[in-house]
Amino acid sequence: MSIDVRVASSKIYARDIAKVYKSAKENVVAMSDINIDILENEFVCIVGPSGCGKSTLLRILGGLDEATGGKIYLGDRELNGPGADRGMVFQGYTLFPWLTVEENICFGLNIKKMPPAQSRVIVDKYLQIIGLTDFRKSYPKELSGGMKQRVAIARALANSPEVLLMDEPFGALDPQTKASMQELMRSIWQIERPTVVFVTHDIEEAVFLANRIYVMTPRPGTIREVVPDYLPYNRSLSLKDTPEFIKLRKYINTLLPKADLV
């Protein structure tokens, strides 16, 4: 497949992505004809009904799963597996329980053999951004769920990935903590401007966080519509009560099966 001219201006460019699960009885088509085009510094959310392949698509982008068909480019490089150019944050906190907060954040930097003085500067920066400077010597078992997820986000960003892939990272949190994490994530994006691909079941969350929202169809999953999110750049939780926010949330809900409305 020849590279489309848009690759030059895209951070992630994927065409004709498909995923088929084969078994002795039948082949199950999980996804087909997935086309995405994400610009550098964009915050993109992917929503869709349960079983449509959102998380599978994210894992394929991260190199943790293999597509049955299609190609993916990061800039002008074709992706064929995992790499340090992509950071991942999952719903489970995936912190190392035997390491402190600062040691968890520094983990990838140590693998890169970064000089300790340089690592300390980066760790201090992200501890301040996530508001956990006073907990730098704490272990994961001493932290709340929201605090653990903040550490997981900081660990991913500390490695300066070209793309941050997030798979329902706030799905296990209580509503109040979840809202607080959404506000923090939007603030981090406005400060750091990473390219983010964020999978969520929560339509309100997607509307609050994203620049654009990819809406997937039921299985076999494909892209039903790409919805631009023109809400104000600076966002606080009070935005969720505005007519513009509610209108966009309701529109996206109309694109989904009734059982999946959030």
Protein backbone atom coordinates (compact mmCIF):
# COMPACT_ATOMS: atom_id res chain seq x y z
CA MET A 1 0.00 0.00 0.00
CA SER A 2 1.39 3.38 -0.91
CA ILE A 3 1.62 6.02 1.78
CA ASP A 4 -1.11 8.63 1.57
CA VAL A 5 0.09 12.22 1.31
CA ARG A 6 -1.56 12.94 4.66
CA VAL A 7 1.03 10.80 6.48
CA ALA A 8 3.38 13.77 6.40
CA SER A 9 0.99 15.86 8.52
CA SER A 10 -0.34 13.07 10.73
CA LYS A 11 1.02 11.61 13.94
CA ILE A 12 -0.96 8.39 13.62
CA TYR A 13 -2.24 7.25 10.27
CA ALA A 14 -4.06 3.93 9.89
CA ARG A 15 -5.84 2.48 6.91
CA ASP A 16 -8.05 -0.58 6.47
CA ILE A 17 -7.33 -2.02 9.92
CA ALA A 18 -9.12 -5.33 10.47
CA LYS A 19 -9.12 -7.94 13.22
CA VAL A 20 -10.48 -11.45 12.74
CA TYR A 21 -10.44 -14.09 15.47
CA LYS A 22 -10.15 -17.54 13.92
CA SER A 23 -11.37 -20.76 15.46
CA ALA A 24 -12.19 -24.28 14.30
CA LYS A 25 -15.91 -23.51 14.21
CA GLU A 26 -16.04 -20.02 12.74
CA ASN A 27 -14.15 -16.81 12.13
CA VAL A 28 -15.30 -13.80 14.16
CA VAL A 29 -14.76 -10.41 12.54
CA ALA A 30 -14.11 -8.03 15.43
CA MET A 31 -13.18 -4.97 13.36
CA SER A 32 -13.04 -4.06 9.69
CA ASP A 33 -12.11 -1.07 7.53
CA ILE A 34 -10.86 1.06 10.43
CA ASN A 35 -9.36 4.31 9.16
CA ILE A 36 -7.96 6.91 11.54
CA ASP A 37 -5.89 10.05 11.05
CA ILE A 38 -4.69 11.75 14.23
CA LEU A 39 -2.70 14.97 14.14
CA GLU A 40 0.22 15.78 16.39
CA ASN A 41 -0.84 17.19 19.79
CA GLU A 42 -4.44 16.09 19.29
CA PHE A 43 -6.54 14.59 22.07
CA VAL A 44 -8.74 11.97 20.44
CA CYS A 45 -11.31 9.81 22.22
CA ILE A 46 -12.70 6.56 20.86
CA VAL A 47 -16.19 5.55 21.98
CA GLY A 48 -18.55 2.78 20.93
CA PRO A 49 -20.76 -0.04 22.16
CA SER A 50 -19.39 -2.91 24.23
CA GLY A 51 -17.56 -5.45 22.09
CA CYS A 52 -16.98 -3.10 19.15
CA GLY A 53 -13.19 -3.41 19.39
CA LYS A 54 -12.17 -0.13 21.03
CA SER A 55 -9.61 -1.68 23.35
CA THR A 56 -8.42 -4.09 20.66
CA LEU A 57 -7.80 -1.15 18.34
CA LEU A 58 -5.80 0.61 21.04
CA ARG A 59 -3.74 -2.52 21.68
CA ILE A 60 -3.04 -2.78 17.96
CA LEU A 61 -1.89 0.85 17.93
CA GLY A 62 0.36 0.05 20.88
CA GLY A 63 1.81 -3.02 19.22
CA LEU A 64 0.41 -5.36 21.89
CA ASP A 65 -1.96 -7.06 19.44
CA GLU A 66 -1.63 -7.76 15.75
CA ALA A 67 -4.07 -6.61 13.10
CA THR A 68 -5.33 -9.13 10.56
CA GLY A 69 -5.17 -6.52 7.83
CA GLY A 70 -4.22 -2.91 7.16
CA LYS A 71 -1.26 -0.73 8.02
CA ILE A 72 -0.45 1.82 10.73
CA TYR A 73 2.11 4.62 10.57
CA LEU A 74 3.54 6.75 13.35
CA GLY A 75 4.69 9.78 11.41
CA ASP A 76 6.41 8.24 8.40
CA ARG A 77 7.31 4.95 10.16
CA GLU A 78 5.22 1.84 9.71
CA LEU A 79 4.42 0.18 13.05
CA ASN A 80 4.97 -3.55 13.44
CA GLY A 81 5.21 -4.01 17.19
CA PRO A 82 5.54 -2.25 20.56
CA GLY A 83 8.00 0.54 21.16
CA ALA A 84 9.05 3.29 23.56
CA ASP A 85 7.55 5.82 21.14
CA ARG A 86 4.12 4.88 22.55
CA GLY A 87 3.19 5.06 26.23
CA MET A 88 0.21 3.11 27.56
CA VAL A 89 -2.05 3.62 30.58
CA PHE A 90 -4.62 0.94 31.41
CA GLN A 91 -7.62 0.77 33.74
CA GLY A 92 -5.52 -1.35 36.10
CA TYR A 93 -2.81 0.77 37.67
CA THR A 94 0.09 -1.54 36.65
CA LEU A 95 2.44 0.04 39.17
CA PHE A 96 5.32 -1.94 40.61
CA PRO A 97 4.30 -2.51 44.26
CA TRP A 98 7.89 -2.81 45.47
CA LEU A 99 8.84 0.63 44.11
CA THR A 100 8.01 4.02 45.59
CA VAL A 101 6.08 6.67 43.68
CA GLU A 102 9.23 8.37 42.44
CA GLU A 103 10.85 5.04 41.58
CA ASN A 104 7.81 4.02 39.53
CA ILE A 105 7.90 7.29 37.59
CA CYS A 106 11.65 6.88 37.06
CA PHE A 107 11.44 3.26 35.92
CA GLY A 108 11.57 3.90 32.18
CA LEU A 109 14.26 6.54 32.57
CA ASN A 110 16.46 4.01 34.36
CA ILE A 111 15.99 1.55 31.50
CA LYS A 112 17.16 4.28 29.12
CA LYS A 113 20.19 4.75 31.42
CA MET A 114 19.44 8.44 31.77
CA PRO A 115 21.87 10.26 34.11
CA PRO A 116 20.43 10.39 37.67
CA ALA A 117 20.53 14.19 37.85
CA GLN A 118 18.48 14.48 34.65
CA SER A 119 16.05 11.82 35.86
CA ARG A 120 15.47 13.69 39.12
CA VAL A 121 14.52 16.84 37.23
CA ILE A 122 11.95 14.93 35.16
CA VAL A 123 10.53 13.07 38.17
CA ASP A 124 10.26 16.30 40.19
CA LYS A 125 8.44 17.95 37.28
CA TYR A 126 5.80 15.23 37.01
CA LEU A 127 5.37 14.87 40.76
CA GLN A 128 4.45 18.55 40.80
CA ILE A 129 2.12 18.25 37.80
CA ILE A 130 0.18 15.34 39.34
CA GLY A 131 0.21 16.91 42.81
CA LEU A 132 2.02 14.07 44.60
CA THR A 133 5.30 15.67 45.63
CA ASP A 134 4.58 14.87 49.28
CA PHE A 135 4.04 11.20 48.41
CA ARG A 136 7.26 10.60 46.48
CA LYS A 137 8.50 8.04 49.02
CA SER A 138 5.15 6.27 49.38
CA TYR A 139 4.42 2.81 48.00
CA PRO A 140 1.39 2.01 45.81
CA LYS A 141 -0.39 0.21 48.67
CA GLU A 142 -0.42 3.52 50.56
CA LEU A 143 -2.19 5.40 47.75
CA SER A 144 -5.83 5.76 46.72
CA GLY A 145 -7.01 4.58 43.32
CA GLY A 146 -6.91 8.07 41.86
CA MET A 147 -3.41 8.65 43.19
CA LYS A 148 -2.19 5.38 41.69
CA GLN A 149 -3.57 6.35 38.30
CA ARG A 150 -1.89 9.75 38.53
CA VAL A 151 1.42 7.95 39.07
CA ALA A 152 0.74 5.66 36.09
CA ILE A 153 0.09 8.70 33.87
CA ALA A 154 3.21 10.46 35.13
CA ARG A 155 5.31 7.33 34.52
CA ALA A 156 4.07 7.14 30.93
CA LEU A 157 4.67 10.84 30.23
CA ALA A 158 8.12 10.86 31.87
CA ASN A 159 9.41 8.71 29.01
CA SER A 160 8.39 11.41 26.48
CA PRO A 161 6.42 9.07 24.21
CA GLU A 162 5.32 10.38 20.84
CA VAL A 163 1.80 9.10 21.56
CA LEU A 164 0.00 8.34 24.83
CA LEU A 165 -2.52 5.49 24.52
CA MET A 166 -5.09 5.27 27.33
CA ASP A 167 -7.54 2.38 27.75
CA GLU A 168 -10.42 3.41 30.04
CA PRO A 169 -7.93 4.63 32.66
CA PHE A 170 -10.60 6.08 34.97
CA GLY A 171 -13.19 3.34 34.55
CA ALA A 172 -12.61 1.78 37.99
CA LEU A 173 -12.76 5.04 39.94
CA ASP A 174 -15.69 6.41 41.93
CA PRO A 175 -17.60 9.26 40.23
CA GLN A 176 -16.03 12.09 42.24
CA THR A 177 -12.47 10.83 41.77
CA LYS A 178 -13.18 10.12 38.11
CA ALA A 179 -14.33 13.71 37.53
CA SER A 180 -11.24 15.02 39.30
CA MET A 181 -8.99 12.83 37.13
CA GLN A 182 -10.72 14.04 33.98
CA GLU A 183 -10.00 17.63 34.94
CA LEU A 184 -6.39 16.76 35.77
CA MET A 185 -5.91 14.90 32.49
CA ARG A 186 -7.24 17.81 30.48
CA SER A 187 -4.94 20.15 32.41
CA ILE A 188 -1.93 17.89 31.79
CA TRP A 189 -2.73 17.80 28.09
CA GLN A 190 -2.96 21.59 27.94
CA ILE A 191 0.46 21.89 29.65
CA GLU A 192 2.35 19.05 27.95
CA ARG A 193 0.38 18.77 24.66
CA PRO A 194 1.03 15.05 24.09
CA THR A 195 -0.79 13.27 21.29
CA VAL A 196 -3.42 11.23 23.16
CA VAL A 197 -5.68 8.38 22.03
CA PHE A 198 -8.16 7.70 24.84
CA VAL A 199 -10.68 4.82 24.84
CA THR A 200 -13.75 5.22 27.04
CA HIS A 201 -17.31 3.95 27.51
CA ASP A 202 -18.25 7.28 29.08
CA ILE A 203 -19.61 9.74 26.52
CA GLU A 204 -19.50 12.63 28.99
CA GLU A 205 -15.83 11.89 29.61
CA ALA A 206 -15.07 11.88 25.90
CA VAL A 207 -16.86 15.18 25.32
CA PHE A 208 -14.99 16.80 28.22
CA LEU A 209 -11.53 15.61 27.18
CA ALA A 210 -11.34 15.43 23.41
CA ASN A 211 -10.64 17.58 20.37
CA ARG A 212 -12.27 14.92 18.20
CA ILE A 213 -14.32 11.85 19.00
CA TYR A 214 -14.27 8.67 16.91
CA VAL A 215 -17.59 6.81 17.26
CA MET A 216 -17.48 3.08 16.44
CA THR A 217 -20.31 0.83 15.32
CA PRO A 218 -21.31 -2.48 16.94
CA ARG A 219 -19.28 -5.54 15.96
CA PRO A 220 -17.80 -5.80 13.45
CA GLY A 221 -16.50 -2.44 14.61
CA THR A 222 -15.79 0.28 12.13
CA ILE A 223 -15.80 4.08 12.35
CA ARG A 224 -19.36 5.38 12.15
CA GLU A 225 -18.53 9.08 12.49
CA VAL A 226 -15.73 11.41 13.54
CA VAL A 227 -17.21 14.21 15.64
CA PRO A 228 -15.26 17.45 16.19
CA ASP A 229 -15.34 18.87 19.72
CA TYR A 230 -15.25 22.68 19.55
CA LEU A 231 -15.86 23.32 23.24
CA PRO A 232 -13.57 25.93 24.87
CA TYR A 233 -9.88 25.09 25.06
CA ASN A 234 -9.71 25.82 28.81
CA ARG A 235 -12.08 23.40 30.52
CA SER A 236 -13.28 22.93 34.08
CA LEU A 237 -15.96 20.57 35.37
CA SER A 238 -18.53 23.37 35.25
CA LEU A 239 -18.42 23.00 31.44
CA LYS A 240 -20.51 19.84 31.79
CA ASP A 241 -23.53 21.93 32.80
CA THR A 242 -23.48 24.20 29.74
CA PRO A 243 -25.97 23.88 26.86
CA GLU A 244 -23.15 23.39 24.33
CA PHE A 245 -21.71 20.45 26.27
CA ILE A 246 -25.09 18.80 26.78
CA LYS A 247 -25.98 19.22 23.10
CA LEU A 248 -22.77 17.51 21.95
CA ARG A 249 -23.14 14.70 24.48
CA LYS A 250 -26.72 14.05 23.34
CA TYR A 251 -25.69 14.03 19.69
CA ILE A 252 -23.01 11.39 20.27
CA ASN A 253 -25.55 9.34 22.24
CA THR A 254 -27.78 9.29 19.15
CA LEU A 255 -24.96 7.54 17.27
CA LEU A 256 -24.85 4.63 19.72
CA PRO A 257 -27.19 1.71 20.45
CA LYS A 258 -29.63 2.62 23.23
CA ALA A 259 -28.19 0.06 25.62
CA ASP A 260 -24.82 1.86 25.54
CA LEU A 261 -25.99 5.39 26.25
CA VAL A 262 -24.04 7.08 29.09
